[in-house]
N, C-alpha and C. Protein backbone atom coordinates (compact mmCIF):
# COMPACT_ATOMS: atom_id res chain seq x y z
N MET A 1 3.79 -29.03 4.71
CA MET A 1 3.11 -27.89 5.29
C MET A 1 2.20 -27.26 4.24
N ALA A 2 0.98 -26.98 4.61
CA ALA A 2 0.02 -26.40 3.68
C ALA A 2 0.38 -24.96 3.37
N ALA A 3 0.06 -24.56 2.17
CA ALA A 3 0.32 -23.18 1.77
C ALA A 3 -0.54 -22.24 2.62
N THR A 4 0.06 -21.20 3.12
CA THR A 4 -0.65 -20.24 3.94
C THR A 4 -1.05 -19.05 3.09
N ARG A 5 -2.31 -18.67 3.23
CA ARG A 5 -2.80 -17.51 2.48
C ARG A 5 -2.27 -16.24 3.12
N LEU A 6 -2.02 -15.28 2.29
CA LEU A 6 -1.54 -13.98 2.76
C LEU A 6 -2.69 -12.99 2.77
N SER A 7 -2.72 -12.14 3.77
CA SER A 7 -3.72 -11.07 3.82
C SER A 7 -3.37 -10.03 2.76
N ARG A 8 -4.28 -9.12 2.54
CA ARG A 8 -4.05 -8.05 1.57
C ARG A 8 -2.82 -7.23 1.98
N LEU A 9 -2.71 -6.92 3.26
CA LEU A 9 -1.56 -6.16 3.75
C LEU A 9 -0.27 -6.95 3.59
N GLN A 10 -0.29 -8.24 3.89
CA GLN A 10 0.91 -9.05 3.72
C GLN A 10 1.34 -9.10 2.27
N LYS A 11 0.39 -9.16 1.35
CA LYS A 11 0.73 -9.13 -0.07
C LYS A 11 1.39 -7.80 -0.44
N ARG A 12 0.86 -6.71 0.10
CA ARG A 12 1.46 -5.40 -0.16
C ARG A 12 2.88 -5.33 0.39
N LEU A 13 3.07 -5.88 1.59
CA LEU A 13 4.40 -5.89 2.21
C LEU A 13 5.38 -6.69 1.37
N VAL A 14 4.97 -7.87 0.92
CA VAL A 14 5.85 -8.72 0.11
C VAL A 14 6.18 -8.04 -1.21
N ARG A 15 5.18 -7.42 -1.84
CA ARG A 15 5.45 -6.72 -3.11
C ARG A 15 6.43 -5.57 -2.91
N TRP A 16 6.23 -4.79 -1.83
CA TRP A 16 7.13 -3.67 -1.56
C TRP A 16 8.54 -4.16 -1.31
N LEU A 17 8.68 -5.21 -0.51
CA LEU A 17 10.01 -5.76 -0.22
C LEU A 17 10.66 -6.31 -1.48
N ALA A 18 9.87 -6.94 -2.35
CA ALA A 18 10.41 -7.47 -3.61
C ALA A 18 10.91 -6.34 -4.50
N ALA A 19 10.12 -5.26 -4.58
CA ALA A 19 10.54 -4.12 -5.40
C ALA A 19 11.80 -3.47 -4.83
N ASP A 20 11.88 -3.36 -3.51
CA ASP A 20 13.06 -2.78 -2.88
C ASP A 20 14.27 -3.69 -3.06
N ASP A 21 14.06 -5.00 -2.97
CA ASP A 21 15.14 -5.97 -3.18
C ASP A 21 15.67 -5.88 -4.60
N LYS A 22 14.75 -5.74 -5.54
CA LYS A 22 15.15 -5.62 -6.94
C LYS A 22 15.89 -4.31 -7.19
N ARG A 23 15.41 -3.23 -6.57
CA ARG A 23 16.03 -1.92 -6.73
C ARG A 23 17.46 -1.91 -6.21
N THR A 24 17.69 -2.58 -5.08
CA THR A 24 19.03 -2.60 -4.49
C THR A 24 19.84 -3.82 -4.91
N ARG A 25 19.26 -4.61 -5.80
CA ARG A 25 19.89 -5.85 -6.28
C ARG A 25 20.24 -6.79 -5.13
N GLY A 26 19.41 -6.77 -4.09
CA GLY A 26 19.59 -7.66 -2.96
C GLY A 26 20.79 -7.35 -2.08
N MET A 27 21.43 -6.22 -2.33
CA MET A 27 22.64 -5.88 -1.58
C MET A 27 22.34 -5.16 -0.26
N ILE A 28 21.18 -4.55 -0.16
CA ILE A 28 20.83 -3.78 1.02
C ILE A 28 19.48 -4.26 1.54
N ALA A 29 19.43 -4.60 2.82
CA ALA A 29 18.15 -4.99 3.41
C ALA A 29 17.26 -3.77 3.53
N SER A 30 15.97 -3.96 3.38
CA SER A 30 15.01 -2.87 3.49
C SER A 30 14.94 -2.41 4.94
N ARG A 31 14.92 -1.13 5.14
CA ARG A 31 14.83 -0.59 6.50
C ARG A 31 13.38 -0.53 6.94
N HIS A 32 13.13 -0.92 8.17
CA HIS A 32 11.77 -0.93 8.71
C HIS A 32 11.10 0.44 8.64
N PRO A 33 11.79 1.54 8.99
CA PRO A 33 11.14 2.85 8.89
C PRO A 33 10.71 3.20 7.46
N GLU A 34 11.49 2.79 6.47
CA GLU A 34 11.11 3.05 5.08
C GLU A 34 9.86 2.27 4.70
N LEU A 35 9.78 1.05 5.19
CA LEU A 35 8.61 0.21 4.93
C LEU A 35 7.37 0.85 5.57
N ALA A 36 7.50 1.30 6.80
CA ALA A 36 6.38 1.94 7.50
C ALA A 36 5.96 3.23 6.79
N ALA A 37 6.92 3.98 6.28
CA ALA A 37 6.60 5.22 5.57
C ALA A 37 5.93 4.94 4.22
N ALA A 38 6.29 3.84 3.59
CA ALA A 38 5.72 3.49 2.29
C ALA A 38 4.27 3.03 2.40
N LEU A 39 3.92 2.46 3.53
CA LEU A 39 2.56 1.96 3.75
C LEU A 39 1.99 2.57 5.02
N PRO A 40 1.78 3.89 5.04
CA PRO A 40 1.39 4.57 6.28
C PRO A 40 0.04 4.12 6.84
N SER A 41 -0.87 3.71 6.00
CA SER A 41 -2.19 3.31 6.49
C SER A 41 -2.14 2.00 7.26
N ALA A 42 -1.05 1.27 7.12
CA ALA A 42 -0.93 -0.04 7.75
C ALA A 42 -0.09 -0.01 9.02
N LYS A 43 0.28 1.17 9.48
CA LYS A 43 1.24 1.28 10.58
C LYS A 43 0.82 0.49 11.83
N GLY A 44 -0.41 0.58 12.24
CA GLY A 44 -0.86 -0.09 13.46
C GLY A 44 -0.87 -1.60 13.35
N ASN A 45 -1.02 -2.11 12.17
CA ASN A 45 -1.16 -3.55 11.94
C ASN A 45 0.12 -4.16 11.40
N MET A 46 1.07 -3.34 11.02
CA MET A 46 2.25 -3.82 10.31
C MET A 46 3.12 -4.77 11.13
N SER A 47 3.38 -4.46 12.37
CA SER A 47 4.26 -5.29 13.18
C SER A 47 3.72 -6.71 13.31
N HIS A 48 2.42 -6.81 13.55
CA HIS A 48 1.80 -8.14 13.66
C HIS A 48 1.94 -8.91 12.35
N ARG A 49 1.66 -8.26 11.24
CA ARG A 49 1.73 -8.93 9.94
C ARG A 49 3.17 -9.32 9.59
N LEU A 50 4.13 -8.48 9.95
CA LEU A 50 5.53 -8.82 9.70
C LEU A 50 5.96 -10.03 10.52
N ARG A 51 5.52 -10.09 11.78
CA ARG A 51 5.86 -11.26 12.60
C ARG A 51 5.25 -12.53 12.02
N CYS A 52 4.03 -12.43 11.50
CA CYS A 52 3.39 -13.59 10.85
C CYS A 52 4.20 -14.03 9.63
N LEU A 53 4.63 -13.07 8.82
CA LEU A 53 5.44 -13.40 7.64
C LEU A 53 6.77 -14.03 8.05
N GLU A 54 7.34 -13.56 9.15
CA GLU A 54 8.59 -14.12 9.63
C GLU A 54 8.39 -15.57 10.09
N ARG A 55 7.30 -15.83 10.80
CA ARG A 55 7.01 -17.21 11.24
C ARG A 55 6.79 -18.15 10.05
N GLN A 56 6.26 -17.61 8.96
CA GLN A 56 6.01 -18.41 7.76
C GLN A 56 7.29 -18.61 6.94
N GLY A 57 8.37 -17.91 7.30
CA GLY A 57 9.61 -18.04 6.57
C GLY A 57 9.69 -17.19 5.32
N VAL A 58 8.82 -16.20 5.20
CA VAL A 58 8.77 -15.33 4.02
C VAL A 58 9.80 -14.21 4.14
N ILE A 59 10.01 -13.72 5.35
CA ILE A 59 10.95 -12.63 5.59
C ILE A 59 11.85 -12.97 6.78
N VAL A 60 12.92 -12.21 6.91
CA VAL A 60 13.78 -12.24 8.09
C VAL A 60 13.90 -10.80 8.56
N MET A 61 13.68 -10.60 9.87
CA MET A 61 13.81 -9.27 10.44
C MET A 61 15.08 -9.23 11.29
N THR A 62 15.87 -8.20 11.09
CA THR A 62 17.06 -7.97 11.90
C THR A 62 16.66 -7.00 12.99
N ARG A 63 17.01 -7.33 14.23
CA ARG A 63 16.61 -6.50 15.36
C ARG A 63 17.81 -5.88 16.05
N THR A 64 17.56 -4.74 16.70
CA THR A 64 18.59 -4.10 17.51
C THR A 64 18.72 -4.89 18.81
N SER A 65 19.71 -4.55 19.62
CA SER A 65 19.88 -5.24 20.91
C SER A 65 18.68 -5.01 21.82
N GLY A 66 17.93 -3.95 21.59
CA GLY A 66 16.73 -3.67 22.36
C GLY A 66 15.49 -4.39 21.86
N GLY A 67 15.61 -5.12 20.76
CA GLY A 67 14.50 -5.88 20.20
C GLY A 67 13.69 -5.14 19.16
N LYS A 68 14.06 -3.92 18.83
CA LYS A 68 13.34 -3.14 17.82
C LYS A 68 13.76 -3.60 16.43
N THR A 69 12.79 -3.75 15.53
CA THR A 69 13.10 -4.18 14.16
C THR A 69 13.88 -3.09 13.45
N GLU A 70 15.00 -3.48 12.89
CA GLU A 70 15.88 -2.54 12.21
C GLU A 70 15.75 -2.66 10.69
N SER A 71 15.79 -3.91 10.20
CA SER A 71 15.69 -4.12 8.76
C SER A 71 14.91 -5.40 8.48
N VAL A 72 14.43 -5.49 7.26
CA VAL A 72 13.60 -6.61 6.82
C VAL A 72 14.07 -7.03 5.44
N HIS A 73 14.19 -8.34 5.21
CA HIS A 73 14.47 -8.78 3.84
C HIS A 73 13.76 -10.08 3.54
N LEU A 74 13.52 -10.31 2.26
CA LEU A 74 12.84 -11.51 1.80
C LEU A 74 13.77 -12.72 1.85
N THR A 75 13.20 -13.86 2.15
CA THR A 75 13.93 -15.13 2.05
C THR A 75 13.67 -15.69 0.65
N ALA A 76 14.23 -16.85 0.37
CA ALA A 76 13.97 -17.50 -0.92
C ALA A 76 12.48 -17.79 -1.06
N VAL A 77 11.84 -18.21 0.01
CA VAL A 77 10.40 -18.46 0.00
C VAL A 77 9.66 -17.16 -0.30
N GLY A 78 10.12 -16.07 0.30
CA GLY A 78 9.50 -14.77 0.06
C GLY A 78 9.63 -14.32 -1.38
N ARG A 79 10.78 -14.58 -1.97
CA ARG A 79 10.96 -14.22 -3.38
C ARG A 79 10.02 -15.04 -4.27
N GLN A 80 9.82 -16.31 -3.93
CA GLN A 80 8.89 -17.15 -4.70
C GLN A 80 7.46 -16.62 -4.56
N LYS A 81 7.09 -16.22 -3.35
CA LYS A 81 5.74 -15.67 -3.15
C LYS A 81 5.58 -14.37 -3.93
N ALA A 82 6.63 -13.53 -3.93
CA ALA A 82 6.58 -12.27 -4.68
C ALA A 82 6.42 -12.56 -6.17
N LEU A 83 7.12 -13.56 -6.65
CA LEU A 83 7.01 -13.94 -8.05
C LEU A 83 5.59 -14.39 -8.37
N ALA A 84 5.02 -15.17 -7.49
CA ALA A 84 3.64 -15.64 -7.71
C ALA A 84 2.65 -14.49 -7.66
N LEU A 85 2.90 -13.50 -6.81
CA LEU A 85 2.00 -12.36 -6.69
C LEU A 85 2.06 -11.42 -7.87
N SER A 86 3.26 -11.17 -8.36
CA SER A 86 3.42 -10.18 -9.42
C SER A 86 3.60 -10.79 -10.79
N GLY A 87 4.19 -11.96 -10.84
CA GLY A 87 4.45 -12.59 -12.12
C GLY A 87 5.62 -11.99 -12.86
N ARG A 88 6.31 -10.99 -12.23
CA ARG A 88 7.40 -10.31 -12.90
C ARG A 88 8.70 -10.34 -12.13
N TYR A 89 8.68 -10.63 -10.85
CA TYR A 89 9.88 -10.55 -10.01
C TYR A 89 10.87 -11.63 -10.41
N GLU A 90 12.12 -11.27 -10.54
CA GLU A 90 13.15 -12.24 -10.95
C GLU A 90 14.15 -12.44 -9.86
């Protein structure tokens, strides 16, 4: 599978998730409302970009029984992308 380019917003999302993952030492999944609050200018476009990242295997979204996104976390592929983006993520 060819490498998929990330949009500017997707890069911001991956960086934020990587920082949150590092802050919580991977023990707590990032909450969707916190992500939306951290990137308020992207609110209208965020759901679409998150679904694209999920299809690419970069993130996993946990949903409520009603289908609303509850939490988001990086996969191993997502951590590799974060490392490539920042050069510092471990």
